[in-house]
Amino acid sequence: MKKTPLLLPALLFALSACSDSTESKGSQAAEKPYNPWESQIQSLDKAKGLEDQMQRDAAERDKRMREQGG
């Protein structure tokens, strides 16, 4: 019974010594976490960019029409 309190820390130490923490941390840092909404976010960003382009084109068209007197 008296050996039990020492057994748990010894087992935890042995398990932590067996794992290679440097390799697992390096591979996790290189990989992006899975995001199920990534394609939707990309589509939304693309739509925002298209909207900005359309607004710039409309402003340019309005400016040219005013210069022509229309």
C-alpha atoms as a PDB file:
ATOM      1  CA  MET A   1       0.000   0.000   0.000  1.00  0.00           C
ATOM      2  CA  LYS A   2       2.855   2.355   0.744  1.00  0.00           C
ATOM      3  CA  LYS A   3       4.386   1.769  -2.699  1.00  0.00           C
ATOM      4  CA  THR A   4       1.301   3.019  -4.545  1.00  0.00           C
ATOM      5  CA  PRO A   5       1.929   6.797  -4.093  1.00  0.00           C
ATOM      6  CA  LEU A   6       5.400   6.370  -5.602  1.00  0.00           C
ATOM      7  CA  LEU A   7       4.225   4.115  -8.402  1.00  0.00           C
ATOM      8  CA  LEU A   8       2.026   6.693 -10.159  1.00  0.00           C
ATOM      9  CA  PRO A   9       4.705   9.419 -10.464  1.00  0.00           C
ATOM     10  CA  ALA A  10       7.208   6.802 -11.625  1.00  0.00           C
ATOM     11  CA  LEU A  11       4.844   5.587 -14.346  1.00  0.00           C
ATOM     12  CA  LEU A  12       4.066   9.139 -15.484  1.00  0.00           C
ATOM     13  CA  PHE A  13       7.763   9.931 -15.667  1.00  0.00           C
ATOM     14  CA  ALA A  14       8.431   6.782 -17.694  1.00  0.00           C
ATOM     15  CA  LEU A  15       5.625   7.591 -20.146  1.00  0.00           C
ATOM     16  CA  SER A  16       6.745  11.156 -20.624  1.00  0.00           C
ATOM     17  CA  ALA A  17      10.327  10.028 -21.230  1.00  0.00           C
ATOM     18  CA  CYS A  18       9.177   7.726 -24.027  1.00  0.00           C
ATOM     19  CA  SER A  19       7.426  10.390 -26.075  1.00  0.00           C
ATOM     20  CA  ASP A  20       9.328  12.584 -28.534  1.00  0.00           C
ATOM     21  CA  SER A  21       7.847  15.992 -27.844  1.00  0.00           C
ATOM     22  CA  THR A  22      10.132  17.947 -30.202  1.00  0.00           C
ATOM     23  CA  GLU A  23       8.987  16.077 -33.295  1.00  0.00           C
ATOM     24  CA  SER A  24       5.280  16.267 -32.493  1.00  0.00           C
ATOM     25  CA  LYS A  25       5.429  20.003 -31.725  1.00  0.00           C
ATOM     26  CA  GLY A  26       7.247  20.727 -34.980  1.00  0.00           C
ATOM     27  CA  SER A  27       4.795  18.802 -37.123  1.00  0.00           C
ATOM     28  CA  GLN A  28       1.778  20.414 -35.452  1.00  0.00           C
ATOM     29  CA  ALA A  29       3.159  23.903 -35.999  1.00  0.00           C
ATOM     30  CA  ALA A  30       3.602  23.250 -39.731  1.00  0.00           C
ATOM     31  CA  GLU A  31       0.070  21.932 -40.264  1.00  0.00           C
ATOM     32  CA  LYS A  32      -2.954  24.196 -40.241  1.00  0.00           C
ATOM     33  CA  PRO A  33      -5.805  22.941 -38.082  1.00  0.00           C
ATOM     34  CA  TYR A  34      -8.788  21.563 -39.967  1.00  0.00           C
ATOM     35  CA  ASN A  35     -11.417  24.210 -40.594  1.00  0.00           C
ATOM     36  CA  PRO A  36     -14.672  22.866 -42.065  1.00  0.00           C
ATOM     37  CA  TRP A  37     -15.680  26.378 -43.156  1.00  0.00           C
ATOM     38  CA  GLU A  38     -12.447  27.168 -45.044  1.00  0.00           C
ATOM     39  CA  SER A  39     -14.027  26.877 -48.510  1.00  0.00           C
ATOM     40  CA  GLN A  40     -16.931  29.093 -47.453  1.00  0.00           C
ATOM     41  CA  ILE A  41     -14.549  31.706 -46.043  1.00  0.00           C
ATOM     42  CA  GLN A  42     -12.532  31.677 -49.269  1.00  0.00           C
ATOM     43  CA  SER A  43     -15.691  32.122 -51.340  1.00  0.00           C
ATOM     44  CA  LEU A  44     -16.799  35.011 -49.141  1.00  0.00           C
ATOM     45  CA  ASP A  45     -13.404  36.716 -49.465  1.00  0.00           C
ATOM     46  CA  LYS A  46     -13.525  36.275 -53.230  1.00  0.00           C
ATOM     47  CA  ALA A  47     -17.028  37.788 -53.351  1.00  0.00           C
ATOM     48  CA  LYS A  48     -15.889  40.761 -51.263  1.00  0.00           C
ATOM     49  CA  GLY A  49     -13.005  41.342 -53.655  1.00  0.00           C
ATOM     50  CA  LEU A  50     -15.362  41.171 -56.630  1.00  0.00           C
ATOM     51  CA  GLU A  51     -17.751  43.624 -54.963  1.00  0.00           C
ATOM     52  CA  ASP A  52     -14.908  46.084 -54.368  1.00  0.00           C
ATOM     53  CA  GLN A  53     -13.858  45.802 -58.022  1.00  0.00           C
ATOM     54  CA  MET A  54     -17.438  46.366 -59.208  1.00  0.00           C
ATOM     55  CA  GLN A  55     -17.774  49.476 -57.021  1.00  0.00           C
ATOM     56  CA  ARG A  56     -14.503  50.899 -58.381  1.00  0.00           C
ATOM     57  CA  ASP A  57     -15.641  50.208 -61.948  1.00  0.00           C
ATOM     58  CA  ALA A  58     -19.004  51.880 -61.301  1.00  0.00           C
ATOM     59  CA  ALA A  59     -17.300  54.949 -59.815  1.00  0.00           C
ATOM     60  CA  GLU A  60     -14.963  55.153 -62.810  1.00  0.00           C
ATOM     61  CA  ARG A  61     -17.906  54.824 -65.228  1.00  0.00           C
ATOM     62  CA  ASP A  62     -19.854  57.551 -63.402  1.00  0.00           C
ATOM     63  CA  LYS A  63     -16.822  59.822 -63.461  1.00  0.00           C
ATOM     64  CA  ARG A  64     -16.389  59.365 -67.229  1.00  0.00           C
ATOM     65  CA  MET A  65     -20.098  60.041 -67.824  1.00  0.00           C
ATOM     66  CA  ARG A  66     -19.906  63.303 -65.837  1.00  0.00           C
ATOM     67  CA  GLU A  67     -16.836  64.376 -67.795  1.00  0.00           C
ATOM     68  CA  GLN A  68     -18.695  63.758 -71.055  1.00  0.00           C
ATOM     69  CA  GLY A  69     -21.646  65.780 -69.839  1.00  0.00           C
ATOM     70  CA  GLY A  70     -24.059  62.899 -69.477  1.00  0.00           C
END
